[in-house]
């Protein structure tokens, strides 16, 4: 998507950002469930499959938090600019992974990038 197309698209509301963040966080948490250790359990072996899943989920969570924080700050400023559009586009790109998920908020489907053939 080029800059002018991104600038012409409308930005989400605060509630829409929160809903999308909750959706992504829910999917991230569900994927990480096998990696969660109870108190007293030893850590996963370094470089094991479970350790890698935990790392990837932690990274996705951190990226999502960062993008949402940027978007919230931009929306709160009253003058959102290119950072807001880039953050929103990135969140939609992440969400496209779950485009077929029945729990995806219905309003999101029409905003997702076109699925490559």
PDB file of N, CA and C in Angstrom:
ATOM      1  N   UNK A   1       0.862  -1.173   0.000  1.00  0.00           N
ATOM      2  CA  UNK A   1       0.000   0.000   0.000  1.00  0.00           C
ATOM      3  C   UNK A   1       0.901   1.226   0.000  1.00  0.00           C
ATOM      4  N   UNK A   2       0.585   2.187  -0.831  1.00  0.00           N
ATOM      5  CA  UNK A   2       1.412   3.382  -0.886  1.00  0.00           C
ATOM      6  C   UNK A   2       0.956   4.384   0.162  1.00  0.00           C
ATOM      7  N   UNK A   3       1.766   5.433   0.345  1.00  0.00           N
ATOM      8  CA  UNK A   3       1.471   6.407   1.400  1.00  0.00           C
ATOM      9  C   UNK A   3       0.141   7.110   1.208  1.00  0.00           C
ATOM     10  N   UNK A   4      -0.186   7.480  -0.026  1.00  0.00           N
ATOM     11  CA  UNK A   4      -1.436   8.216  -0.231  1.00  0.00           C
ATOM     12  C   UNK A   4      -2.648   7.346   0.038  1.00  0.00           C
ATOM     13  N   UNK A   5      -2.583   6.059  -0.317  1.00  0.00           N
ATOM     14  CA  UNK A   5      -3.709   5.159  -0.034  1.00  0.00           C
ATOM     15  C   UNK A   5      -3.857   4.969   1.466  1.00  0.00           C
ATOM     16  N   UNK A   6      -2.728   4.841   2.165  1.00  0.00           N
ATOM     17  CA  UNK A   6      -2.777   4.675   3.615  1.00  0.00           C
ATOM     18  C   UNK A   6      -3.345   5.917   4.288  1.00  0.00           C
ATOM     19  N   UNK A   7      -2.960   7.087   3.799  1.00  0.00           N
ATOM     20  CA  UNK A   7      -3.420   8.332   4.414  1.00  0.00           C
ATOM     21  C   UNK A   7      -4.912   8.556   4.188  1.00  0.00           C
ATOM     22  N   UNK A   8      -5.461   8.007   3.098  1.00  0.00           N
ATOM     23  CA  UNK A   8      -6.869   8.204   2.800  1.00  0.00           C
ATOM     24  C   UNK A   8      -7.765   7.267   3.604  1.00  0.00           C
ATOM     25  N   UNK A   9      -7.230   6.139   4.039  1.00  0.00           N
ATOM     26  CA  UNK A   9      -8.029   5.219   4.838  1.00  0.00           C
ATOM     27  C   UNK A   9      -8.273   5.794   6.208  1.00  0.00           C
ATOM     28  N   UNK A  10      -9.434   5.491   6.736  1.00  0.00           N
ATOM     29  CA  UNK A  10      -9.728   6.020   8.065  1.00  0.00           C
ATOM     30  C   UNK A  10      -9.033   5.189   9.130  1.00  0.00           C
ATOM     31  N   UNK A  11      -8.750   5.839  10.222  1.00  0.00           N
ATOM     32  CA  UNK A  11      -8.119   5.181  11.356  1.00  0.00           C
ATOM     33  C   UNK A  11      -9.194   4.600  12.265  1.00  0.00           C
ATOM     34  N   UNK A  12      -8.813   3.657  13.106  1.00  0.00           N
ATOM     35  CA  UNK A  12      -9.782   3.042  14.011  1.00  0.00           C
ATOM     36  C   UNK A  12     -10.104   3.953  15.185  1.00  0.00           C
ATOM     37  N   UNK A  13     -11.160   3.596  15.877  1.00  0.00           N
ATOM     38  CA  UNK A  13     -11.465   4.246  17.148  1.00  0.00           C
ATOM     39  C   UNK A  13     -10.610   3.586  18.227  1.00  0.00           C
ATOM     40  N   UNK A  14     -10.579   4.215  19.372  1.00  0.00           N
ATOM     41  CA  UNK A  14      -9.861   3.655  20.523  1.00  0.00           C
ATOM     42  C   UNK A  14     -10.421   2.253  20.837  1.00  0.00           C
ATOM     43  N   UNK A  15     -11.739   2.118  20.823  1.00  0.00           N
ATOM     44  CA  UNK A  15     -12.378   0.828  21.124  1.00  0.00           C
ATOM     45  C   UNK A  15     -12.031  -0.237  20.094  1.00  0.00           C
ATOM     46  N   UNK A  16     -11.912   0.147  18.838  1.00  0.00           N
ATOM     47  CA  UNK A  16     -11.534  -0.827  17.814  1.00  0.00           C
ATOM     48  C   UNK A  16     -10.101  -1.304  18.011  1.00  0.00           C
ATOM     49  N   UNK A  17      -9.207  -0.403  18.383  1.00  0.00           N
ATOM     50  CA  UNK A  17      -7.825  -0.799  18.673  1.00  0.00           C
ATOM     51  C   UNK A  17      -7.817  -1.787  19.837  1.00  0.00           C
ATOM     52  N   UNK A  18      -8.573  -1.474  20.874  1.00  0.00           N
ATOM     53  CA  UNK A  18      -8.631  -2.359  22.045  1.00  0.00           C
ATOM     54  C   UNK A  18      -9.193  -3.725  21.669  1.00  0.00           C
ATOM     55  N   UNK A  19     -10.235  -3.752  20.854  1.00  0.00           N
ATOM     56  CA  UNK A  19     -10.837  -5.027  20.441  1.00  0.00           C
ATOM     57  C   UNK A  19      -9.851  -5.857  19.627  1.00  0.00           C
ATOM     58  N   UNK A  20      -9.137  -5.208  18.718  1.00  0.00           N
ATOM     59  CA  UNK A  20      -8.173  -5.950  17.904  1.00  0.00           C
ATOM     60  C   UNK A  20      -7.005  -6.424  18.748  1.00  0.00           C
ATOM     61  N   UNK A  21      -6.564  -5.579  19.673  1.00  0.00           N
ATOM     62  CA  UNK A  21      -5.478  -5.996  20.567  1.00  0.00           C
ATOM     63  C   UNK A  21      -5.914  -7.197  21.415  1.00  0.00           C
ATOM     64  N   UNK A  22      -7.115  -7.167  21.941  1.00  0.00           N
ATOM     65  CA  UNK A  22      -7.612  -8.294  22.727  1.00  0.00           C
ATOM     66  C   UNK A  22      -7.691  -9.565  21.886  1.00  0.00           C
ATOM     67  N   UNK A  23      -8.116  -9.423  20.643  1.00  0.00           N
ATOM     68  CA  UNK A  23      -8.192 -10.586  19.758  1.00  0.00           C
ATOM     69  C   UNK A  23      -6.796 -11.176  19.521  1.00  0.00           C
ATOM     70  N   UNK A  24      -5.831 -10.322  19.153  1.00  0.00           N
ATOM     71  CA  UNK A  24      -4.464 -10.802  18.898  1.00  0.00           C
ATOM     72  C   UNK A  24      -3.873 -11.409  20.169  1.00  0.00           C
ATOM     73  N   UNK A  25      -4.055 -10.730  21.303  1.00  0.00           N
ATOM     74  CA  UNK A  25      -3.534 -11.257  22.570  1.00  0.00           C
ATOM     75  C   UNK A  25      -4.132 -12.621  22.902  1.00  0.00           C
ATOM     76  N   UNK A  26      -5.422 -12.788  22.618  1.00  0.00           N
ATOM     77  CA  UNK A  26      -6.069 -14.075  22.870  1.00  0.00           C
ATOM     78  C   UNK A  26      -5.477 -15.185  22.028  1.00  0.00           C
ATOM     79  N   UNK A  27      -5.200 -14.886  20.761  1.00  0.00           N
ATOM     80  CA  UNK A  27      -4.606 -15.895  19.886  1.00  0.00           C
ATOM     81  C   UNK A  27      -3.177 -16.195  20.309  1.00  0.00           C
ATOM     82  N   UNK A  28      -2.447 -15.165  20.711  1.00  0.00           N
ATOM     83  CA  UNK A  28      -1.072 -15.345  21.168  1.00  0.00           C
ATOM     84  C   UNK A  28      -1.033 -16.193  22.432  1.00  0.00           C
ATOM     85  N   UNK A  29      -1.931 -15.889  23.364  1.00  0.00           N
ATOM     86  CA  UNK A  29      -1.986 -16.646  24.613  1.00  0.00           C
ATOM     87  C   UNK A  29      -2.359 -18.097  24.351  1.00  0.00           C
ATOM     88  N   UNK A  30      -3.324 -18.331  23.463  1.00  0.00           N
ATOM     89  CA  UNK A  30      -3.738 -19.701  23.150  1.00  0.00           C
ATOM     90  C   UNK A  30      -2.577 -20.502  22.564  1.00  0.00           C
ATOM     91  N   UNK A  31      -1.792 -19.871  21.703  1.00  0.00           N
ATOM     92  CA  UNK A  31      -0.653 -20.558  21.108  1.00  0.00           C
ATOM     93  C   UNK A  31       0.448 -20.821  22.135  1.00  0.00           C
ATOM     94  N   UNK A  32       0.562 -19.944  23.110  1.00  0.00           N
ATOM     95  CA  UNK A  32       1.611 -20.081  24.114  1.00  0.00           C
ATOM     96  C   UNK A  32       1.226 -21.006  25.262  1.00  0.00           C
ATOM     97  N   UNK A  33      -0.026 -21.405  25.340  1.00  0.00           N
ATOM     98  CA  UNK A  33      -0.491 -22.215  26.474  1.00  0.00           C
ATOM     99  C   UNK A  33       0.413 -23.411  26.776  1.00  0.00           C
ATOM    100  N   UNK A  34       0.873 -24.152  25.773  1.00  0.00           N
ATOM    101  CA  UNK A  34       1.744 -25.294  26.095  1.00  0.00           C
ATOM    102  C   UNK A  34       3.089 -24.899  26.697  1.00  0.00           C
ATOM    103  N   UNK A  35       3.472 -23.651  26.565  1.00  0.00           N
ATOM    104  CA  UNK A  35       4.780 -23.213  27.074  1.00  0.00           C
ATOM    105  C   UNK A  35       4.704 -22.668  28.489  1.00  0.00           C
ATOM    106  N   UNK A  36       3.499 -22.486  28.997  1.00  0.00           N
ATOM    107  CA  UNK A  36       3.338 -21.910  30.334  1.00  0.00           C
ATOM    108  C   UNK A  36       3.748 -22.944  31.384  1.00  0.00           C
ATOM    109  N   UNK A  37       4.617 -22.506  32.289  1.00  0.00           N
ATOM    110  CA  UNK A  37       5.097 -23.391  33.338  1.00  0.00           C
ATOM    111  C   UNK A  37       4.489 -22.996  34.668  1.00  0.00           C
ATOM    112  N   UNK A  38       4.142 -23.968  35.461  1.00  0.00           N
ATOM    113  CA  UNK A  38       3.635 -23.712  36.808  1.00  0.00           C
ATOM    114  C   UNK A  38       4.805 -23.448  37.738  1.00  0.00           C
ATOM    115  N   UNK A  39       4.523 -22.793  38.848  1.00  0.00           N
ATOM    116  CA  UNK A  39       5.581 -22.509  39.825  1.00  0.00           C
ATOM    117  C   UNK A  39       6.345 -23.779  40.163  1.00  0.00           C
ATOM    118  N   UNK A  40       7.650 -23.677  40.154  1.00  0.00           N
ATOM    119  CA  UNK A  40       8.495 -24.800  40.519  1.00  0.00           C
ATOM    120  C   UNK A  40       8.896 -25.681  39.356  1.00  0.00           C
ATOM    121  N   UNK A  41       8.240 -25.542  38.215  1.00  0.00           N
ATOM    122  CA  UNK A  41       8.636 -26.351  37.058  1.00  0.00           C
ATOM    123  C   UNK A  41       9.934 -25.802  36.483  1.00  0.00           C
ATOM    124  N   UNK A  42      10.784 -26.704  36.010  1.00  0.00           N
ATOM    125  CA  UNK A  42      12.052 -26.219  35.436  1.00  0.00           C
ATOM    126  C   UNK A  42      11.801 -25.465  34.129  1.00  0.00           C
ATOM    127  N   UNK A  43      12.727 -24.572  33.774  1.00  0.00           N
ATOM    128  CA  UNK A  43      12.562 -23.845  32.508  1.00  0.00           C
ATOM    129  C   UNK A  43      12.667 -24.810  31.326  1.00  0.00           C
ATOM    130  N   UNK A  44      12.139 -24.396  30.210  1.00  0.00           N
ATOM    131  CA  UNK A  44      12.261 -25.199  28.995  1.00  0.00           C
ATOM    132  C   UNK A  44      13.730 -25.242  28.597  1.00  0.00           C
ATOM    133  N   UNK A  45      14.125 -26.366  28.012  1.00  0.00           N
ATOM    134  CA  UNK A  45      15.505 -26.498  27.547  1.00  0.00           C
ATOM    135  C   UNK A  45      15.790 -25.418  26.510  1.00  0.00           C
ATOM    136  N   UNK A  46      16.929 -24.754  26.626  1.00  0.00           N
ATOM    137  CA  UNK A  46      17.267 -23.726  25.632  1.00  0.00           C
ATOM    138  C   UNK A  46      17.222 -24.311  24.219  1.00  0.00           C
ATOM    139  N   UNK A  47      16.696 -23.541  23.305  1.00  0.00           N
ATOM    140  CA  UNK A  47      16.589 -23.911  21.885  1.00  0.00           C
ATOM    141  C   UNK A  47      15.606 -25.058  21.631  1.00  0.00           C
ATOM    142  N   UNK A  48      14.843 -25.452  22.658  1.00  0.00           N
ATOM    143  CA  UNK A  48      13.827 -26.484  22.433  1.00  0.00           C
ATOM    144  C   UNK A  48      12.642 -25.861  21.703  1.00  0.00           C
ATOM    145  N   UNK A  49      11.785 -26.706  21.156  1.00  0.00           N
ATOM    146  CA  UNK A  49      10.598 -26.222  20.468  1.00  0.00           C
ATOM    147  C   UNK A  49       9.731 -25.358  21.366  1.00  0.00           C
ATOM    148  N   UNK A  50       9.524 -25.777  22.616  1.00  0.00           N
ATOM    149  CA  UNK A  50       8.696 -24.989  23.538  1.00  0.00           C
ATOM    150  C   UNK A  50       9.346 -23.646  23.875  1.00  0.00           C
ATOM    151  N   UNK A  51      10.673 -23.645  24.025  1.00  0.00           N
ATOM    152  CA  UNK A  51      11.368 -22.385  24.304  1.00  0.00           C
ATOM    153  C   UNK A  51      11.227 -21.433  23.118  1.00  0.00           C
ATOM    154  N   UNK A  52      11.309 -21.964  21.904  1.00  0.00           N
ATOM    155  CA  UNK A  52      11.167 -21.126  20.695  1.00  0.00           C
ATOM    156  C   UNK A  52       9.747 -20.564  20.579  1.00  0.00           C
ATOM    157  N   UNK A  53       8.747 -21.401  20.863  1.00  0.00           N
ATOM    158  CA  UNK A  53       7.356 -20.939  20.818  1.00  0.00           C
ATOM    159  C   UNK A  53       7.153 -19.816  21.831  1.00  0.00           C
ATOM    160  N   UNK A  54       7.701 -19.985  23.020  1.00  0.00           N
ATOM    161  CA  UNK A  54       7.582 -18.953  24.054  1.00  0.00           C
ATOM    162  C   UNK A  54       8.257 -17.659  23.596  1.00  0.00           C
ATOM    163  N   UNK A  55       9.416 -17.754  22.956  1.00  0.00           N
ATOM    164  CA  UNK A  55      10.122 -16.565  22.465  1.00  0.00           C
ATOM    165  C   UNK A  55       9.308 -15.845  21.391  1.00  0.00           C
ATOM    166  N   UNK A  56       8.797 -16.608  20.441  1.00  0.00           N
ATOM    167  CA  UNK A  56       8.028 -16.016  19.348  1.00  0.00           C
ATOM    168  C   UNK A  56       6.763 -15.352  19.880  1.00  0.00           C
ATOM    169  N   UNK A  57       6.088 -16.023  20.796  1.00  0.00           N
ATOM    170  CA  UNK A  57       4.878 -15.441  21.374  1.00  0.00           C
ATOM    171  C   UNK A  57       5.195 -14.185  22.168  1.00  0.00           C
ATOM    172  N   UNK A  58       6.290 -14.204  22.886  1.00  0.00           N
ATOM    173  CA  UNK A  58       6.698 -13.008  23.621  1.00  0.00           C
ATOM    174  C   UNK A  58       7.010 -11.849  22.679  1.00  0.00           C
ATOM    175  N   UNK A  59       7.656 -12.158  21.568  1.00  0.00           N
ATOM    176  CA  UNK A  59       7.979 -11.123  20.585  1.00  0.00           C
ATOM    177  C   UNK A  59       6.712 -10.560  19.947  1.00  0.00           C
ATOM    178  N   UNK A  60       5.776 -11.429  19.585  1.00  0.00           N
ATOM    179  CA  UNK A  60       4.526 -10.960  18.980  1.00  0.00           C
ATOM    180  C   UNK A  60       3.749 -10.095  19.968  1.00  0.00           C
ATOM    181  N   UNK A  61       3.729 -10.505  21.223  1.00  0.00           N
ATOM    182  CA  UNK A  61       3.058  -9.716  22.250  1.00  0.00           C
ATOM    183  C   UNK A  61       3.714  -8.333  22.366  1.00  0.00           C
ATOM    184  N   UNK A  62       5.048  -8.291  22.388  1.00  0.00           N
ATOM    185  CA  UNK A  62       5.766  -7.020  22.514  1.00  0.00           C
ATOM    186  C   UNK A  62       5.502  -6.117  21.313  1.00  0.00           C
ATOM    187  N   UNK A  63       5.506  -6.682  20.117  1.00  0.00           N
ATOM    188  CA  UNK A  63       5.247  -5.892  18.906  1.00  0.00           C
ATOM    189  C   UNK A  63       3.833  -5.335  18.931  1.00  0.00           C
ATOM    190  N   UNK A  64       2.873  -6.184  19.281  1.00  0.00           N
ATOM    191  CA  UNK A  64       1.472  -5.745  19.337  1.00  0.00           C
ATOM    192  C   UNK A  64       1.303  -4.618  20.354  1.00  0.00           C
ATOM    193  N   UNK A  65       1.907  -4.771  21.524  1.00  0.00           N
ATOM    194  CA  UNK A  65       1.830  -3.720  22.550  1.00  0.00           C
ATOM    195  C   UNK A  65       2.434  -2.417  22.041  1.00  0.00           C
ATOM    196  N   UNK A  66       3.569  -2.512  21.391  1.00  0.00           N
ATOM    197  CA  UNK A  66       4.241  -1.322  20.868  1.00  0.00           C
ATOM    198  C   UNK A  66       3.376  -0.619  19.813  1.00  0.00           C
ATOM    199  N   UNK A  67       2.834  -1.396  18.872  1.00  0.00           N
ATOM    200  CA  UNK A  67       1.998  -0.810  17.824  1.00  0.00           C
ATOM    201  C   UNK A  67       0.742  -0.169  18.407  1.00  0.00           C
ATOM    202  N   UNK A  68       0.128  -0.846  19.358  1.00  0.00           N
ATOM    203  CA  UNK A  68      -1.081  -0.285  19.980  1.00  0.00           C
ATOM    204  C   UNK A  68      -0.759   0.984  20.753  1.00  0.00           C
ATOM    205  N   UNK A  69       0.351   0.996  21.474  1.00  0.00           N
ATOM    206  CA  UNK A  69       0.731   2.186  22.242  1.00  0.00           C
ATOM    207  C   UNK A  69       0.954   3.363  21.298  1.00  0.00           C
ATOM    208  N   UNK A  70       1.650   3.120  20.173  1.00  0.00           N
ATOM    209  CA  UNK A  70       1.859   4.200  19.201  1.00  0.00           C
ATOM    210  C   UNK A  70       0.527   4.703  18.667  1.00  0.00           C
ATOM    211  N   UNK A  71      -0.358   3.777  18.362  1.00  0.00           N
ATOM    212  CA  UNK A  71      -1.656   4.152  17.809  1.00  0.00           C
ATOM    213  C   UNK A  71      -2.486   4.908  18.838  1.00  0.00           C
ATOM    214  N   UNK A  72      -2.517   4.427  20.073  1.00  0.00           N
ATOM    215  CA  UNK A  72      -3.243   5.142  21.132  1.00  0.00           C
ATOM    216  C   UNK A  72      -2.696   6.566  21.296  1.00  0.00           C
ATOM    217  N   UNK A  73      -1.364   6.694  21.322  1.00  0.00           N
ATOM    218  CA  UNK A  73      -0.753   8.016  21.489  1.00  0.00           C
ATOM    219  C   UNK A  73      -1.126   8.946  20.339  1.00  0.00           C
ATOM    220  N   UNK A  74      -1.092   8.415  19.129  1.00  0.00           N
ATOM    221  CA  UNK A  74      -1.441   9.223  17.958  1.00  0.00           C
ATOM    222  C   UNK A  74      -2.915   9.633  17.993  1.00  0.00           C
ATOM    223  N   UNK A  75      -3.792   8.690  18.322  1.00  0.00           N
ATOM    224  CA  UNK A  75      -5.219   9.000  18.378  1.00  0.00           C
ATOM    225  C   UNK A  75      -5.504  10.026  19.469  1.00  0.00           C
ATOM    226  N   UNK A  76      -4.836   9.859  20.600  1.00  0.00           N
ATOM    227  CA  UNK A  76      -5.040  10.775  21.722  1.00  0.00           C
ATOM    228  C   UNK A  76      -4.545  12.183  21.407  1.00  0.00           C
ATOM    229  N   UNK A  77      -3.562  12.295  20.536  1.00  0.00           N
ATOM    230  CA  UNK A  77      -3.006  13.607  20.189  1.00  0.00           C
ATOM    231  C   UNK A  77      -4.019  14.478  19.449  1.00  0.00           C
ATOM    232  N   UNK A  78      -5.020  13.836  18.849  1.00  0.00           N
ATOM    233  CA  UNK A  78      -6.000  14.585  18.076  1.00  0.00           C
ATOM    234  C   UNK A  78      -5.537  14.905  16.667  1.00  0.00           C
ATOM    235  N   UNK A  79      -4.287  14.596  16.369  1.00  0.00           N
ATOM    236  CA  UNK A  79      -3.735  14.846  15.045  1.00  0.00           C
ATOM    237  C   UNK A  79      -2.911  13.653  14.593  1.00  0.00           C
ATOM    238  N   UNK A  80      -3.554  12.500  14.443  1.00  0.00           N
ATOM    239  CA  UNK A  80      -2.792  11.310  14.053  1.00  0.00           C
ATOM    240  C   UNK A  80      -2.189  11.472  12.659  1.00  0.00           C
ATOM    241  N   UNK A  81      -0.984  10.977  12.510  1.00  0.00           N
ATOM    242  CA  UNK A  81      -0.280  11.109  11.241  1.00  0.00           C
ATOM    243  C   UNK A  81       0.174   9.778  10.683  1.00  0.00           C
ATOM    244  N   UNK A  82       1.278   9.788   9.953  1.00  0.00           N
ATOM    245  CA  UNK A  82       1.767   8.580   9.286  1.00  0.00           C
ATOM    246  C   UNK A  82       2.087   7.431  10.251  1.00  0.00           C
ATOM    247  N   UNK A  83       2.533   7.757  11.453  1.00  0.00           N
ATOM    248  CA  UNK A  83       2.843   6.700  12.423  1.00  0.00           C
ATOM    249  C   UNK A  83       1.565   5.941  12.788  1.00  0.00           C
ATOM    250  N   UNK A  84       0.470   6.645  12.934  1.00  0.00           N
ATOM    251  CA  UNK A  84      -0.811   5.997  13.250  1.00  0.00           C
ATOM    252  C   UNK A  84      -1.228   5.070  12.116  1.00  0.00           C
ATOM    253  N   UNK A  85      -1.119   5.545  10.895  1.00  0.00           N
ATOM    254  CA  UNK A  85      -1.503   4.717   9.745  1.00  0.00           C
ATOM    255  C   UNK A  85      -0.594   3.497   9.616  1.00  0.00           C
ATOM    256  N   UNK A  86       0.706   3.688   9.808  1.00  0.00           N
ATOM    257  CA  UNK A  86       1.642   2.569   9.713  1.00  0.00           C
ATOM    258  C   UNK A  86       1.387   1.548  10.822  1.00  0.00           C
ATOM    259  N   UNK A  87       1.098   2.023  12.015  1.00  0.00           N
ATOM    260  CA  UNK A  87       0.816   1.120  13.136  1.00  0.00           C
ATOM    261  C   UNK A  87      -0.462   0.331  12.884  1.00  0.00           C
ATOM    262  N   UNK A  88      -1.496   1.004  12.404  1.00  0.00           N
ATOM    263  CA  UNK A  88      -2.769   0.342  12.114  1.00  0.00           C
ATOM    264  C   UNK A  88      -2.584  -0.686  10.997  1.00  0.00           C
ATOM    265  N   UNK A  89      -1.856  -0.313   9.944  1.00  0.00           N
ATOM    266  CA  UNK A  89      -1.602  -1.254   8.851  1.00  0.00           C
ATOM    267  C   UNK A  89      -0.848  -2.486   9.351  1.00  0.00           C
ATOM    268  N   UNK A  90       0.120  -2.282  10.235  1.00  0.00           N
ATOM    269  CA  UNK A  90       0.888  -3.409  10.783  1.00  0.00           C
ATOM    270  C   UNK A  90      -0.010  -4.325  11.617  1.00  0.00           C
ATOM    271  N   UNK A  91      -0.873  -3.750  12.427  1.00  0.00           N
ATOM    272  CA  UNK A  91      -1.801  -4.567  13.225  1.00  0.00           C
ATOM    273  C   UNK A  91      -2.739  -5.364  12.327  1.00  0.00           C
ATOM    274  N   UNK A  92      -3.207  -4.755  11.253  1.00  0.00           N
ATOM    275  CA  UNK A  92      -4.084  -5.477  10.319  1.00  0.00           C
ATOM    276  C   UNK A  92      -3.322  -6.581   9.601  1.00  0.00           C
ATOM    277  N   UNK A  93      -2.061  -6.348   9.289  1.00  0.00           N
ATOM    278  CA  UNK A  93      -1.243  -7.379   8.651  1.00  0.00           C
ATOM    279  C   UNK A  93      -1.058  -8.572   9.584  1.00  0.00           C
ATOM    280  N   UNK A  94      -0.816  -8.302  10.853  1.00  0.00           N
ATOM    281  CA  UNK A  94      -0.701  -9.386  11.841  1.00  0.00           C
ATOM    282  C   UNK A  94      -2.021 -10.152  11.916  1.00  0.00           C
ATOM    283  N   UNK A  95      -3.114  -9.431  11.954  1.00  0.00           N
ATOM    284  CA  UNK A  95      -4.439 -10.031  12.107  1.00  0.00           C
ATOM    285  C   UNK A  95      -4.831 -10.865  10.907  1.00  0.00           C
ATOM    286  N   UNK A  96      -4.302 -10.547   9.735  1.00  0.00           N
ATOM    287  CA  UNK A  96      -4.661 -11.287   8.515  1.00  0.00           C
ATOM    288  C   UNK A  96      -4.395 -12.783   8.648  1.00  0.00           C
ATOM    289  N   UNK A  97      -3.494 -13.162   9.519  1.00  0.00           N
ATOM    290  CA  UNK A  97      -3.221 -14.577   9.770  1.00  0.00           C
ATOM    291  C   UNK A  97      -4.482 -15.320  10.205  1.00  0.00           C
ATOM    292  N   UNK A  98      -5.371 -14.626  10.895  1.00  0.00           N
ATOM    293  CA  UNK A  98      -6.578 -15.239  11.447  1.00  0.00           C
ATOM    294  C   UNK A  98      -7.839 -14.812  10.693  1.00  0.00           C
ATOM    295  N   UNK A  99      -7.706 -14.463   9.422  1.00  0.00           N
ATOM    296  CA  UNK A  99      -8.844 -13.939   8.662  1.00  0.00           C
ATOM    297  C   UNK A  99     -10.035 -14.891   8.636  1.00  0.00           C
ATOM    298  N   UNK A 100      -9.816 -16.183   8.787  1.00  0.00           N
ATOM    299  CA  UNK A 100     -10.896 -17.167   8.762  1.00  0.00           C
ATOM    300  C   UNK A 100     -11.415 -17.502  10.166  1.00  0.00           C
ATOM    301  N   UNK A 101     -10.848 -16.910  11.191  1.00  0.00           N
ATOM    302  CA  UNK A 101     -11.228 -17.219  12.573  1.00  0.00           C
ATOM    303  C   UNK A 101     -12.648 -16.722  12.847  1.00  0.00           C
ATOM    304  N   UNK A 102     -13.512 -17.592  13.338  1.00  0.00           N
ATOM    305  CA  UNK A 102     -14.896 -17.176  13.601  1.00  0.00           C
ATOM    306  C   UNK A 102     -15.019 -16.123  14.707  1.00  0.00           C
ATOM    307  N   UNK A 103     -14.010 -15.972  15.527  1.00  0.00           N
ATOM    308  CA  UNK A 103     -14.065 -14.982  16.604  1.00  0.00           C
ATOM    309  C   UNK A 103     -13.470 -13.632  16.206  1.00  0.00           C
ATOM    310  N   UNK A 104     -12.989 -13.530  14.975  1.00  0.00           N
ATOM    311  CA  UNK A 104     -12.471 -12.252  14.496  1.00  0.00           C
ATOM    312  C   UNK A 104     -13.627 -11.259  14.457  1.00  0.00           C
ATOM    313  N   UNK A 105     -13.457 -10.075  15.049  1.00  0.00           N
ATOM    314  CA  UNK A 105     -14.550  -9.098  14.988  1.00  0.00           C
ATOM    315  C   UNK A 105     -14.982  -8.867  13.532  1.00  0.00           C
ATOM    316  N   UNK A 106     -16.277  -8.871  13.294  1.00  0.00           N
ATOM    317  CA  UNK A 106     -16.798  -8.812  11.924  1.00  0.00           C
ATOM    318  C   UNK A 106     -16.346  -7.566  11.173  1.00  0.00           C
ATOM    319  N   UNK A 107     -16.186  -6.453  11.845  1.00  0.00           N
ATOM    320  CA  UNK A 107     -15.795  -5.216  11.179  1.00  0.00           C
ATOM    321  C   UNK A 107     -14.366  -5.254  10.649  1.00  0.00           C
ATOM    322  N   UNK A 108     -13.556  -6.216  11.117  1.00  0.00           N
ATOM    323  CA  UNK A 108     -12.152  -6.283  10.715  1.00  0.00           C
ATOM    324  C   UNK A 108     -11.993  -6.881   9.313  1.00  0.00           C
ATOM    325  N   UNK A 109     -12.832  -7.827   8.957  1.00  0.00           N
ATOM    326  CA  UNK A 109     -12.659  -8.569   7.704  1.00  0.00           C
ATOM    327  C   UNK A 109     -12.469  -7.670   6.485  1.00  0.00           C
ATOM    328  N   UNK A 110     -13.268  -6.637   6.365  1.00  0.00           N
ATOM    329  CA  UNK A 110     -13.168  -5.758   5.214  1.00  0.00           C
ATOM    330  C   UNK A 110     -11.943  -4.863   5.207  1.00  0.00           C
ATOM    331  N   UNK A 111     -11.220  -4.823   6.318  1.00  0.00           N
ATOM    332  CA  UNK A 111     -10.033  -3.974   6.420  1.00  0.00           C
ATOM    333  C   UNK A 111      -8.734  -4.713   6.165  1.00  0.00           C
ATOM    334  N   UNK A 112      -8.798  -6.043   6.162  1.00  0.00           N
ATOM    335  CA  UNK A 112      -7.581  -6.834   6.037  1.00  0.00           C
ATOM    336  C   UNK A 112      -6.976  -6.733   4.635  1.00  0.00           C
ATOM    337  N   UNK A 113      -5.646  -6.842   4.564  1.00  0.00           N
ATOM    338  CA  UNK A 113      -5.012  -6.829   3.256  1.00  0.00           C
ATOM    339  C   UNK A 113      -5.554  -7.987   2.417  1.00  0.00           C
ATOM    340  N   UNK A 114      -5.536  -7.813   1.120  1.00  0.00           N
ATOM    341  CA  UNK A 114      -6.000  -8.845   0.200  1.00  0.00           C
ATOM    342  C   UNK A 114      -5.128 -10.082   0.366  1.00  0.00           C
ATOM    343  N   UNK A 115      -5.774 -11.232   0.423  1.00  0.00           N
ATOM    344  CA  UNK A 115      -5.054 -12.493   0.590  1.00  0.00           C
ATOM    345  C   UNK A 115      -4.330 -12.826  -0.706  1.00  0.00           C
ATOM    346  N   UNK A 116      -3.005 -13.085  -0.615  1.00  0.00           N
ATOM    347  CA  UNK A 116      -2.273 -13.422  -1.833  1.00  0.00           C
ATOM    348  C   UNK A 116      -2.756 -14.763  -2.397  1.00  0.00           C
ATOM    349  N   UNK A 117      -2.685 -14.884  -3.699  1.00  0.00           N
ATOM    350  CA  UNK A 117      -3.109 -16.145  -4.337  1.00  0.00           C
ATOM    351  C   UNK A 117      -2.073 -17.207  -4.204  1.00  0.00           C
TER     352      UNK A 117
END
